[in-house]
PDB file of N, CA and C in Angstrom:
ATOM      1  N   MET A   1      93.637 -76.452  28.417  1.00  0.00           N
ATOM      2  CA  MET A   1      92.243 -77.682  27.775  1.00  0.00           C
ATOM      3  C   MET A   1      93.132 -78.709  26.620  1.00  0.00           C
ATOM      4  N   LYS A   2      94.020 -77.889  25.547  1.00  0.00           N
ATOM      5  CA  LYS A   2      94.283 -78.643  24.611  1.00  0.00           C
ATOM      6  C   LYS A   2      95.360 -79.782  25.184  1.00  0.00           C
ATOM      7  N   GLU A   3      95.680 -79.670  26.081  1.00  0.00           N
ATOM      8  CA  GLU A   3      96.971 -80.844  26.211  1.00  0.00           C
ATOM      9  C   GLU A   3      96.470 -82.124  27.150  1.00  0.00           C
ATOM     10  N   ILE A   4      95.229 -81.687  27.661  1.00  0.00           N
ATOM     11  CA  ILE A   4      94.513 -82.754  28.443  1.00  0.00           C
ATOM     12  C   ILE A   4      93.631 -83.629  27.032  1.00  0.00           C
ATOM     13  N   LEU A   5      93.285 -83.039  26.583  1.00  0.00           N
ATOM     14  CA  LEU A   5      92.479 -83.797  25.355  1.00  0.00           C
ATOM     15  C   LEU A   5      92.914 -85.336  24.966  1.00  0.00           C
ATOM     16  N   PRO A   6      93.567 -85.033  24.615  1.00  0.00           N
ATOM     17  CA  PRO A   6      94.553 -86.315  23.899  1.00  0.00           C
ATOM     18  C   PRO A   6      94.614 -87.440  24.931  1.00  0.00           C
ATOM     19  N   ALA A   7      94.973 -86.998  26.170  1.00  0.00           N
ATOM     20  CA  ALA A   7      95.129 -88.172  27.241  1.00  0.00           C
ATOM     21  C   ALA A   7      94.017 -88.612  27.823  1.00  0.00           C
ATOM     22  N   LEU A   8      92.720 -87.095  28.088  1.00  0.00           N
ATOM     23  CA  LEU A   8      91.648 -88.029  27.979  1.00  0.00           C
ATOM     24  C   LEU A   8      90.724 -88.953  26.923  1.00  0.00           C
ATOM     25  N   PHE A   9      90.880 -88.369  25.780  1.00  0.00           N
ATOM     26  CA  PHE A   9      90.373 -89.721  25.086  1.00  0.00           C
ATOM     27  C   PHE A   9      91.096 -91.052  25.025  1.00  0.00           C
ATOM     28  N   LYS A  10      92.220 -90.983  25.169  1.00  0.00           N
ATOM     29  CA  LYS A  10      93.246 -91.834  25.385  1.00  0.00           C
ATOM     30  C   LYS A  10      92.466 -93.122  26.529  1.00  0.00           C
ATOM     31  N   ALA A  11      92.452 -92.403  27.939  1.00  0.00           N
ATOM     32  CA  ALA A  11      91.447 -92.788  28.817  1.00  0.00           C
ATOM     33  C   ALA A  11      90.439 -93.529  28.625  1.00  0.00           C
ATOM     34  N   ILE A  12      89.484 -92.561  27.771  1.00  0.00           N
ATOM     35  CA  ILE A  12      88.426 -93.021  27.245  1.00  0.00           C
ATOM     36  C   ILE A  12      88.380 -94.341  26.371  1.00  0.00           C
ATOM     37  N   GLU A  13      89.436 -94.372  25.444  1.00  0.00           N
ATOM     38  CA  GLU A  13      89.364 -95.809  24.306  1.00  0.00           C
ATOM     39  C   GLU A  13      89.978 -97.098  25.444  1.00  0.00           C
ATOM     40  N   GLY A  14      90.645 -96.529  26.727  1.00  0.00           N
ATOM     41  CA  GLY A  14      90.914 -97.977  27.187  1.00  0.00           C
ATOM     42  C   GLY A  14      90.023 -98.647  28.597  1.00  0.00           C
ATOM     43  N   SER A  15      88.894 -97.803  28.373  1.00  0.00           N
ATOM     44  CA  SER A  15      87.962 -98.113  29.631  1.00  0.00           C
ATOM     45  C   SER A  15      86.862 -99.038  28.620  1.00  0.00           C
ATOM     46  N   ARG A  16      86.833 -99.799  29.744  1.00  0.00           N
ATOM     47  CA  ARG A  16      85.439-101.312  29.639  1.00  0.00           C
ATOM     48  C   ARG A  16      84.003-100.289  29.551  1.00  0.00           C
ATOM     49  N   ILE A  17      84.464 -99.425  30.695  1.00  0.00           N
ATOM     50  CA  ILE A  17      82.918 -98.714  30.593  1.00  0.00           C
ATOM     51  C   ILE A  17      83.103 -97.374  31.125  1.00  0.00           C
ATOM     52  N   SER A  18      82.218 -96.493  30.304  1.00  0.00           N
ATOM     53  CA  SER A  18      82.078 -95.455  30.689  1.00  0.00           C
ATOM     54  C   SER A  18      80.923 -94.680  31.582  1.00  0.00           C
ATOM     55  N   SER A  19      81.052 -94.096  33.001  1.00  0.00           N
ATOM     56  CA  SER A  19      79.949 -93.600  33.210  1.00  0.00           C
ATOM     57  C   SER A  19      79.424 -92.208  33.078  1.00  0.00           C
ATOM     58  N   ILE A  20      78.842 -91.475  32.373  1.00  0.00           N
ATOM     59  CA  ILE A  20      78.419 -89.770  32.117  1.00  0.00           C
ATOM     60  C   ILE A  20      77.223 -89.536  33.259  1.00  0.00           C
ATOM     61  N   VAL A  21      77.666 -88.444  34.167  1.00  0.00           N
ATOM     62  CA  VAL A  21      77.012 -87.836  34.739  1.00  0.00           C
ATOM     63  C   VAL A  21      76.218 -86.671  33.707  1.00  0.00           C
ATOM     64  N   LEU A  22      74.847 -86.690  34.079  1.00  0.00           N
ATOM     65  CA  LEU A  22      74.190 -85.349  33.442  1.00  0.00           C
ATOM     66  C   LEU A  22      73.907 -84.752  34.247  1.00  0.00           C
ATOM     67  N   LEU A  23      74.042 -83.289  34.416  1.00  0.00           N
ATOM     68  CA  LEU A  23      73.426 -82.253  34.678  1.00  0.00           C
ATOM     69  C   LEU A  23      72.199 -81.166  33.891  1.00  0.00           C
ATOM     70  N   GLU A  24      71.810 -80.615  34.658  1.00  0.00           N
ATOM     71  CA  GLU A  24      71.104 -79.731  33.931  1.00  0.00           C
ATOM     72  C   GLU A  24      71.949 -78.768  33.420  1.00  0.00           C
ATOM     73  N   ASN A  25      72.724 -78.284  33.618  1.00  0.00           N
ATOM     74  CA  ASN A  25      73.654 -77.549  33.007  1.00  0.00           C
ATOM     75  C   ASN A  25      75.233 -78.267  32.246  1.00  0.00           C
ATOM     76  N   TYR A  26      74.867 -79.670  31.784  1.00  0.00           N
ATOM     77  CA  TYR A  26      75.595 -80.443  30.319  1.00  0.00           C
ATOM     78  C   TYR A  26      75.373 -79.438  29.253  1.00  0.00           C
ATOM     79  N   ALA A  27      74.513 -79.550  28.887  1.00  0.00           N
ATOM     80  CA  ALA A  27      74.613 -78.886  27.689  1.00  0.00           C
ATOM     81  C   ALA A  27      75.133 -77.716  27.404  1.00  0.00           C
ATOM     82  N   GLU A  28      75.626 -76.907  28.532  1.00  0.00           N
ATOM     83  CA  GLU A  28      76.637 -75.728  27.946  1.00  0.00           C
ATOM     84  C   GLU A  28      77.913 -75.851  27.938  1.00  0.00           C
ATOM     85  N   LEU A  29      78.724 -77.103  28.173  1.00  0.00           N
ATOM     86  CA  LEU A  29      79.769 -77.583  28.322  1.00  0.00           C
ATOM     87  C   LEU A  29      80.262 -78.345  27.509  1.00  0.00           C
ATOM     88  N   ARG A  30      80.764 -77.365  26.257  1.00  0.00           N
ATOM     89  CA  ARG A  30      81.152 -77.963  24.773  1.00  0.00           C
ATOM     90  C   ARG A  30      82.098 -79.308  25.347  1.00  0.00           C
ATOM     91  N   TRP A  31      82.762 -79.192  25.975  1.00  0.00           N
ATOM     92  CA  TRP A  31      83.685 -80.452  26.172  1.00  0.00           C
ATOM     93  C   TRP A  31      83.212 -81.886  27.074  1.00  0.00           C
ATOM     94  N   CYS A  32      82.250 -81.207  27.851  1.00  0.00           N
ATOM     95  CA  CYS A  32      81.343 -82.498  27.792  1.00  0.00           C
ATOM     96  C   CYS A  32      80.870 -83.284  26.723  1.00  0.00           C
ATOM     97  N   LEU A  33      80.141 -82.372  26.128  1.00  0.00           N
ATOM     98  CA  LEU A  33      79.504 -83.030  24.467  1.00  0.00           C
ATOM     99  C   LEU A  33      80.723 -83.473  24.082  1.00  0.00           C
ATOM    100  N   ASN A  34      82.074 -82.786  23.732  1.00  0.00           N
ATOM    101  CA  ASN A  34      82.978 -83.743  22.653  1.00  0.00           C
ATOM    102  C   ASN A  34      83.129 -84.699  23.899  1.00  0.00           C
ATOM    103  N   ASP A  35      83.119 -85.068  24.858  1.00  0.00           N
ATOM    104  CA  ASP A  35      82.945 -86.080  25.756  1.00  0.00           C
ATOM    105  C   ASP A  35      82.596 -86.920  25.139  1.00  0.00           C
ATOM    106  N   LEU A  36      81.057 -86.815  25.388  1.00  0.00           N
ATOM    107  CA  LEU A  36      80.103 -87.400  24.952  1.00  0.00           C
ATOM    108  C   LEU A  36      79.965 -88.583  23.688  1.00  0.00           C
ATOM    109  N   LEU A  37      80.704 -87.522  22.708  1.00  0.00           N
ATOM    110  CA  LEU A  37      80.878 -87.758  21.295  1.00  0.00           C
ATOM    111  C   LEU A  37      82.013 -88.867  21.570  1.00  0.00           C
ATOM    112  N   LYS A  38      82.503 -88.864  22.314  1.00  0.00           N
ATOM    113  CA  LYS A  38      84.193 -90.129  21.981  1.00  0.00           C
ATOM    114  C   LYS A  38      83.531 -91.008  22.764  1.00  0.00           C
ATOM    115  N   ILE A  39      82.842 -90.838  23.970  1.00  0.00           N
ATOM    116  CA  ILE A  39      82.688 -92.320  24.880  1.00  0.00           C
ATOM    117  C   ILE A  39      81.030 -93.078  23.536  1.00  0.00           C
ATOM    118  N   LEU A  40      80.743 -92.052  23.156  1.00  0.00           N
ATOM    119  CA  LEU A  40      79.544 -93.016  22.399  1.00  0.00           C
ATOM    120  C   LEU A  40      80.679 -93.490  21.308  1.00  0.00           C
ATOM    121  N   ASP A  41      81.327 -93.054  20.582  1.00  0.00           N
ATOM    122  CA  ASP A  41      82.204 -93.870  19.200  1.00  0.00           C
ATOM    123  C   ASP A  41      82.588 -95.097  20.137  1.00  0.00           C
ATOM    124  N   CYS A  42      83.498 -95.084  21.212  1.00  0.00           N
ATOM    125  CA  CYS A  42      83.920 -96.266  21.927  1.00  0.00           C
ATOM    126  C   CYS A  42      82.963 -96.930  21.873  1.00  0.00           C
ATOM    127  N   LYS A  43      81.858 -96.936  22.545  1.00  0.00           N
ATOM    128  CA  LYS A  43      80.465 -97.931  22.537  1.00  0.00           C
ATOM    129  C   LYS A  43      80.164 -98.247  21.386  1.00  0.00           C
ATOM    130  N   GLU A  44      80.151 -97.863  20.177  1.00  0.00           N
ATOM    131  CA  GLU A  44      79.926 -98.290  18.696  1.00  0.00           C
ATOM    132  C   GLU A  44      81.059 -99.349  18.212  1.00  0.00           C
ATOM    133  N   ALA A  45      82.352 -98.596  18.497  1.00  0.00           N
ATOM    134  CA  ALA A  45      83.311 -99.562  17.856  1.00  0.00           C
ATOM    135  C   ALA A  45      84.084-100.600  18.640  1.00  0.00           C
ATOM    136  N   MET A  46      84.106-100.344  19.909  1.00  0.00           N
ATOM    137  CA  MET A  46      84.595-100.977  20.713  1.00  0.00           C
ATOM    138  C   MET A  46      83.657-101.687  21.903  1.00  0.00           C
ATOM    139  N   LYS A  47      81.902-101.491  21.368  1.00  0.00           N
ATOM    140  CA  LYS A  47      81.537-102.843  22.661  1.00  0.00           C
ATOM    141  C   LYS A  47      81.163-101.890  23.807  1.00  0.00           C
ATOM    142  N   GLN A  48      82.203-100.708  24.203  1.00  0.00           N
ATOM    143  CA  GLN A  48      82.545-100.317  25.808  1.00  0.00           C
ATOM    144  C   GLN A  48      80.840 -99.800  26.483  1.00  0.00           C
ATOM    145  N   ILE A  49      80.848-100.480  28.144  1.00  0.00           N
ATOM    146  CA  ILE A  49      79.678-100.027  28.235  1.00  0.00           C
ATOM    147  C   ILE A  49      79.542 -98.468  28.828  1.00  0.00           C
ATOM    148  N   VAL A  50      78.273 -98.040  28.561  1.00  0.00           N
ATOM    149  CA  VAL A  50      78.214 -96.458  28.983  1.00  0.00           C
ATOM    150  C   VAL A  50      76.691 -96.759  29.854  1.00  0.00           C
ATOM    151  N   LEU A  51      77.408 -96.250  30.900  1.00  0.00           N
ATOM    152  CA  LEU A  51      75.854 -95.981  32.304  1.00  0.00           C
ATOM    153  C   LEU A  51      75.642 -94.158  32.298  1.00  0.00           C
ATOM    154  N   PRO A  52      74.609 -94.008  31.850  1.00  0.00           N
ATOM    155  CA  PRO A  52      74.654 -92.330  32.046  1.00  0.00           C
ATOM    156  C   PRO A  52      73.677 -92.310  33.574  1.00  0.00           C
ATOM    157  N   ILE A  53      74.400 -90.998  34.133  1.00  0.00           N
ATOM    158  CA  ILE A  53      73.638 -91.045  35.481  1.00  0.00           C
ATOM    159  C   ILE A  53      72.584 -89.793  35.806  1.00  0.00           C
ATOM    160  N   PHE A  54      71.665 -89.717  35.605  1.00  0.00           N
ATOM    161  CA  PHE A  54      70.946 -88.244  35.247  1.00  0.00           C
ATOM    162  C   PHE A  54      70.467 -87.708  36.714  1.00  0.00           C
ATOM    163  N   TYR A  55      71.410 -86.873  36.583  1.00  0.00           N
ATOM    164  CA  TYR A  55      71.268 -86.044  38.703  1.00  0.00           C
ATOM    165  C   TYR A  55      70.534 -84.564  38.210  1.00  0.00           C
ATOM    166  N   ASP A  56      69.806 -84.836  39.171  1.00  0.00           N
ATOM    167  CA  ASP A  56      68.943 -83.810  39.265  1.00  0.00           C
ATOM    168  C   ASP A  56      67.889 -83.264  37.786  1.00  0.00           C
ATOM    169  N   VAL A  57      67.732 -84.016  36.513  1.00  0.00           N
ATOM    170  CA  VAL A  57      67.508 -84.315  35.283  1.00  0.00           C
ATOM    171  C   VAL A  57      67.194 -85.491  34.951  1.00  0.00           C
ATOM    172  N   ASP A  58      65.897 -84.811  34.220  1.00  0.00           N
ATOM    173  CA  ASP A  58      65.049 -85.712  33.469  1.00  0.00           C
ATOM    174  C   ASP A  58      65.648 -86.344  32.502  1.00  0.00           C
ATOM    175  N   PRO A  59      65.567 -87.446  32.037  1.00  0.00           N
ATOM    176  CA  PRO A  59      65.857 -87.660  30.660  1.00  0.00           C
ATOM    177  C   PRO A  59      65.249 -87.687  29.819  1.00  0.00           C
ATOM    178  N   LEU A  60      64.404 -87.628  29.578  1.00  0.00           N
ATOM    179  CA  LEU A  60      63.164 -86.967  28.548  1.00  0.00           C
ATOM    180  C   LEU A  60      63.403 -85.406  28.475  1.00  0.00           C
ATOM    181  N   GLU A  61      63.867 -84.393  29.588  1.00  0.00           N
ATOM    182  CA  GLU A  61      64.611 -83.228  28.695  1.00  0.00           C
ATOM    183  C   GLU A  61      65.584 -83.287  27.812  1.00  0.00           C
ATOM    184  N   ILE A  62      66.123 -84.388  28.576  1.00  0.00           N
ATOM    185  CA  ILE A  62      67.734 -84.155  27.564  1.00  0.00           C
ATOM    186  C   ILE A  62      67.962 -84.936  26.794  1.00  0.00           C
ATOM    187  N   ARG A  63      66.767 -86.141  26.124  1.00  0.00           N
ATOM    188  CA  ARG A  63      65.670 -86.574  24.834  1.00  0.00           C
ATOM    189  C   ARG A  63      65.569 -85.931  23.863  1.00  0.00           C
ATOM    190  N   HIS A  64      64.919 -84.688  24.022  1.00  0.00           N
ATOM    191  CA  HIS A  64      64.278 -83.928  23.426  1.00  0.00           C
ATOM    192  C   HIS A  64      64.461 -82.490  23.720  1.00  0.00           C
ATOM    193  N   GLN A  65      65.920 -82.313  24.296  1.00  0.00           N
ATOM    194  CA  GLN A  65      66.688 -81.296  24.455  1.00  0.00           C
ATOM    195  C   GLN A  65      64.956 -79.880  24.847  1.00  0.00           C
ATOM    196  N   LYS A  66      64.321 -80.590  25.699  1.00  0.00           N
ATOM    197  CA  LYS A  66      63.346 -79.600  26.232  1.00  0.00           C
ATOM    198  C   LYS A  66      63.500 -78.849  27.804  1.00  0.00           C
ATOM    199  N   GLY A  67      63.108 -77.991  28.188  1.00  0.00           N
ATOM    200  CA  GLY A  67      63.056 -77.632  29.612  1.00  0.00           C
ATOM    201  C   GLY A  67      64.116 -77.061  30.349  1.00  0.00           C
ATOM    202  N   ASP A  68      64.679 -76.953  31.147  1.00  0.00           N
ATOM    203  CA  ASP A  68      66.043 -76.127  31.130  1.00  0.00           C
ATOM    204  C   ASP A  68      66.930 -76.407  30.424  1.00  0.00           C
ATOM    205  N   PHE A  69      67.290 -77.941  30.292  1.00  0.00           N
ATOM    206  CA  PHE A  69      68.092 -78.246  29.950  1.00  0.00           C
ATOM    207  C   PHE A  69      68.226 -78.147  28.461  1.00  0.00           C
ATOM    208  N   GLY A  70      66.937 -78.024  28.195  1.00  0.00           N
ATOM    209  CA  GLY A  70      66.860 -77.642  26.457  1.00  0.00           C
ATOM    210  C   GLY A  70      67.302 -76.279  26.377  1.00  0.00           C
ATOM    211  N   GLU A  71      67.185 -75.390  27.296  1.00  0.00           N
ATOM    212  CA  GLU A  71      67.154 -73.954  27.013  1.00  0.00           C
ATOM    213  C   GLU A  71      68.836 -73.721  27.010  1.00  0.00           C
ATOM    214  N   SER A  72      69.411 -74.718  27.820  1.00  0.00           N
ATOM    215  CA  SER A  72      70.617 -73.971  27.982  1.00  0.00           C
ATOM    216  C   SER A  72      71.433 -74.639  26.765  1.00  0.00           C
ATOM    217  N   PHE A  73      70.975 -76.046  25.914  1.00  0.00           N
ATOM    218  CA  PHE A  73      71.491 -76.461  25.089  1.00  0.00           C
ATOM    219  C   PHE A  73      71.128 -75.442  23.835  1.00  0.00           C
ATOM    220  N   ASP A  74      69.905 -74.717  23.401  1.00  0.00           N
ATOM    221  CA  ASP A  74      69.722 -74.032  22.468  1.00  0.00           C
ATOM    222  C   ASP A  74      70.730 -72.636  22.877  1.00  0.00           C
ATOM    223  N   CYS A  75      71.074 -72.068  23.974  1.00  0.00           N
ATOM    224  CA  CYS A  75      72.191 -70.880  24.279  1.00  0.00           C
ATOM    225  C   CYS A  75      73.145 -71.059  23.654  1.00  0.00           C
ATOM    226  N   LEU A  76      73.693 -72.409  23.729  1.00  0.00           N
ATOM    227  CA  LEU A  76      74.951 -73.236  23.119  1.00  0.00           C
ATOM    228  C   LEU A  76      75.055 -72.705  21.520  1.00  0.00           C
ATOM    229  N   GLY A  77      74.098 -73.167  21.273  1.00  0.00           N
ATOM    230  CA  GLY A  77      73.595 -72.882  20.166  1.00  0.00           C
ATOM    231  C   GLY A  77      73.548 -71.586  19.620  1.00  0.00           C
ATOM    232  N   ASP A  78      73.007 -70.669  20.417  1.00  0.00           N
ATOM    233  CA  ASP A  78      73.321 -69.838  20.207  1.00  0.00           C
ATOM    234  C   ASP A  78      74.592 -69.279  19.327  1.00  0.00           C
ATOM    235  N   LYS A  79      76.038 -69.640  20.384  1.00  0.00           N
ATOM    236  CA  LYS A  79      76.738 -69.053  19.798  1.00  0.00           C
ATOM    237  C   LYS A  79      77.756 -69.413  19.263  1.00  0.00           C
ATOM    238  N   LEU A  80      77.183 -70.758  18.817  1.00  0.00           N
ATOM    239  CA  LEU A  80      78.164 -71.928  17.651  1.00  0.00           C
ATOM    240  C   LEU A  80      77.974 -71.608  16.276  1.00  0.00           C
ATOM    241  N   ILE A  81      78.953 -71.301  15.757  1.00  0.00           N
ATOM    242  CA  ILE A  81      78.310 -71.296  14.290  1.00  0.00           C
ATOM    243  C   ILE A  81      78.251 -72.488  13.267  1.00  0.00           C
ATOM    244  N   ASP A  82      78.906 -73.801  14.135  1.00  0.00           N
ATOM    245  CA  ASP A  82      79.431 -74.904  13.422  1.00  0.00           C
ATOM    246  C   ASP A  82      77.967 -75.688  13.688  1.00  0.00           C
ATOM    247  N   ASN A  83      76.641 -75.619  12.846  1.00  0.00           N
ATOM    248  CA  ASN A  83      75.692 -76.725  13.079  1.00  0.00           C
ATOM    249  C   ASN A  83      76.044 -77.770  12.715  1.00  0.00           C
ATOM    250  N   VAL A  84      76.776 -78.602  12.182  1.00  0.00           N
ATOM    251  CA  VAL A  84      76.867 -79.934  12.359  1.00  0.00           C
ATOM    252  C   VAL A  84      77.188 -80.406  13.482  1.00  0.00           C
ATOM    253  N   LYS A  85      78.110 -79.822  14.622  1.00  0.00           N
ATOM    254  CA  LYS A  85      78.616 -79.916  15.507  1.00  0.00           C
ATOM    255  C   LYS A  85      77.454 -80.372  16.296  1.00  0.00           C
ATOM    256  N   MET A  86      76.087 -79.414  16.629  1.00  0.00           N
ATOM    257  CA  MET A  86      75.432 -79.191  16.978  1.00  0.00           C
ATOM    258  C   MET A  86      74.372 -80.496  16.602  1.00  0.00           C
ATOM    259  N   LEU A  87      74.269 -80.449  15.462  1.00  0.00           N
ATOM    260  CA  LEU A  87      73.700 -81.489  15.396  1.00  0.00           C
ATOM    261  C   LEU A  87      73.547 -83.240  15.699  1.00  0.00           C
ATOM    262  N   LYS A  88      75.397 -83.150  15.679  1.00  0.00           N
ATOM    263  CA  LYS A  88      76.088 -84.199  16.218  1.00  0.00           C
ATOM    264  C   LYS A  88      75.923 -84.635  17.537  1.00  0.00           C
ATOM    265  N   TRP A  89      75.845 -83.292  18.648  1.00  0.00           N
ATOM    266  CA  TRP A  89      75.682 -83.384  19.646  1.00  0.00           C
ATOM    267  C   TRP A  89      74.127 -83.831  19.999  1.00  0.00           C
ATOM    268  N   LYS A  90      73.187 -83.548  19.166  1.00  0.00           N
ATOM    269  CA  LYS A  90      71.954 -83.188  19.931  1.00  0.00           C
ATOM    270  C   LYS A  90      71.663 -84.710  19.863  1.00  0.00           C
ATOM    271  N   ALA A  91      72.227 -85.309  18.502  1.00  0.00           N
ATOM    272  CA  ALA A  91      71.610 -87.179  18.781  1.00  0.00           C
ATOM    273  C   ALA A  91      72.000 -87.459  19.414  1.00  0.00           C
ATOM    274  N   ALA A  92      73.560 -87.243  19.915  1.00  0.00           N
ATOM    275  CA  ALA A  92      74.431 -88.254  21.195  1.00  0.00           C
ATOM    276  C   ALA A  92      73.315 -87.721  22.366  1.00  0.00           C
ATOM    277  N   LEU A  93      72.876 -86.784  22.596  1.00  0.00           N
ATOM    278  CA  LEU A  93      72.184 -86.234  23.570  1.00  0.00           C
ATOM    279  C   LEU A  93      70.840 -87.459  23.727  1.00  0.00           C
ATOM    280  N   GLU A  94      70.314 -87.529  22.481  1.00  0.00           N
ATOM    281  CA  GLU A  94      69.341 -88.216  22.267  1.00  0.00           C
ATOM    282  C   GLU A  94      69.736 -89.891  22.334  1.00  0.00           C
ATOM    283  N   GLU A  95      70.591 -90.607  21.899  1.00  0.00           N
ATOM    284  CA  GLU A  95      71.287 -91.633  22.058  1.00  0.00           C
ATOM    285  C   GLU A  95      71.466 -92.106  23.414  1.00  0.00           C
ATOM    286  N   VAL A  96      72.233 -90.885  24.500  1.00  0.00           N
ATOM    287  CA  VAL A  96      72.316 -91.118  26.174  1.00  0.00           C
ATOM    288  C   VAL A  96      71.582 -91.372  26.946  1.00  0.00           C
ATOM    289  N   ALA A  97      69.868 -90.528  26.341  1.00  0.00           N
ATOM    290  CA  ALA A  97      69.366 -90.326  27.032  1.00  0.00           C
ATOM    291  C   ALA A  97      68.344 -91.791  26.967  1.00  0.00           C
ATOM    292  N   ASN A  98      68.788 -92.703  26.030  1.00  0.00           N
ATOM    293  CA  ASN A  98      67.832 -93.688  25.528  1.00  0.00           C
ATOM    294  C   ASN A  98      68.374 -95.048  26.255  1.00  0.00           C
ATOM    295  N   LEU A  99      69.578 -94.813  26.784  1.00  0.00           N
ATOM    296  CA  LEU A  99      70.292 -95.657  27.269  1.00  0.00           C
ATOM    297  C   LEU A  99      69.640 -95.819  28.962  1.00  0.00           C
ATOM    298  N   SER A 100      69.843 -97.212  29.532  1.00  0.00           N
ATOM    299  CA  SER A 100      69.485 -97.206  30.747  1.00  0.00           C
ATOM    300  C   SER A 100      69.994 -97.336  31.541  1.00  0.00           C
ATOM    301  N   GLY A 101      70.059 -96.076  32.747  1.00  0.00           N
ATOM    302  CA  GLY A 101      70.873 -95.681  33.364  1.00  0.00           C
ATOM    303  C   GLY A 101      70.324 -95.479  34.843  1.00  0.00           C
ATOM    304  N   PHE A 102      70.938 -94.248  35.925  1.00  0.00           N
ATOM    305  CA  PHE A 102      70.258 -94.332  36.556  1.00  0.00           C
ATOM    306  C   PHE A 102      69.797 -92.894  37.005  1.00  0.00           C
ATOM    307  N   GLU A 103      68.555 -92.170  37.724  1.00  0.00           N
ATOM    308  CA  GLU A 103      68.389 -90.769  38.105  1.00  0.00           C
ATOM    309  C   GLU A 103      68.207 -91.098  39.144  1.00  0.00           C
ATOM    310  N   LEU A 104      68.994 -89.671  39.688  1.00  0.00           N
ATOM    311  CA  LEU A 104      69.637 -89.252  41.269  1.00  0.00           C
ATOM    312  C   LEU A 104      68.952 -87.615  41.226  1.00  0.00           C
ATOM    313  N   GLY A 105      68.586 -87.478  42.484  1.00  0.00           N
ATOM    314  CA  GLY A 105      68.079 -86.134  42.712  1.00  0.00           C
ATOM    315  C   GLY A 105      69.291 -85.766  43.780  1.00  0.00           C
ATOM    316  N   ASN A 106      68.898 -84.501  44.290  1.00  0.00           N
ATOM    317  CA  ASN A 106      69.553 -83.799  44.943  1.00  0.00           C
ATOM    318  C   ASN A 106      69.049 -84.596  46.526  1.00  0.00           C
ATOM    319  N   SER A 107      68.114 -84.881  46.584  1.00  0.00           N
ATOM    320  CA  SER A 107      67.305 -85.207  47.763  1.00  0.00           C
ATOM    321  C   SER A 107      68.044 -86.787  48.242  1.00  0.00           C
ATOM    322  N   TYR A 108      68.840 -87.240  47.149  1.00  0.00           N
ATOM    323  CA  TYR A 108      69.113 -88.932  47.424  1.00  0.00           C
ATOM    324  C   TYR A 108      69.811 -88.478  47.949  1.00  0.00           C
ATOM    325  N   PHE A 109      70.815 -87.430  48.207  1.00  0.00           N
ATOM    326  CA  PHE A 109      72.206 -87.487  48.996  1.00  0.00           C
ATOM    327  C   PHE A 109      72.121 -86.897  49.973  1.00  0.00           C
ATOM    328  N   LEU A 110      70.554 -86.234  50.353  1.00  0.00           N
ATOM    329  CA  LEU A 110      70.367 -86.049  52.163  1.00  0.00           C
ATOM    330  C   LEU A 110      70.314 -86.808  52.944  1.00  0.00           C
TER     331      LEU A 110
END
């Protein structure tokens, strides 16, 4: 994973648009949360367009880290020692949940 990270961050920096697919278990994946931080940094610094896709998860659950999404996020927090990182991820999740995006569910593709 460490070999991929610089190339991934470079690709994010070189993009005009970033799409984030947020799932119920998104908050369990540290690398997704770190990518989210990078994307939001690029949104701020380079005016990158960010398009969130809420797939089978309510943006309100992400915004307030509630429901199943919140439970996943809390489980990650229990495993992590770095409270500063958790606060950054929490703020990033709130920010992305406040952006205009698309809400899709499993039934959308059936």
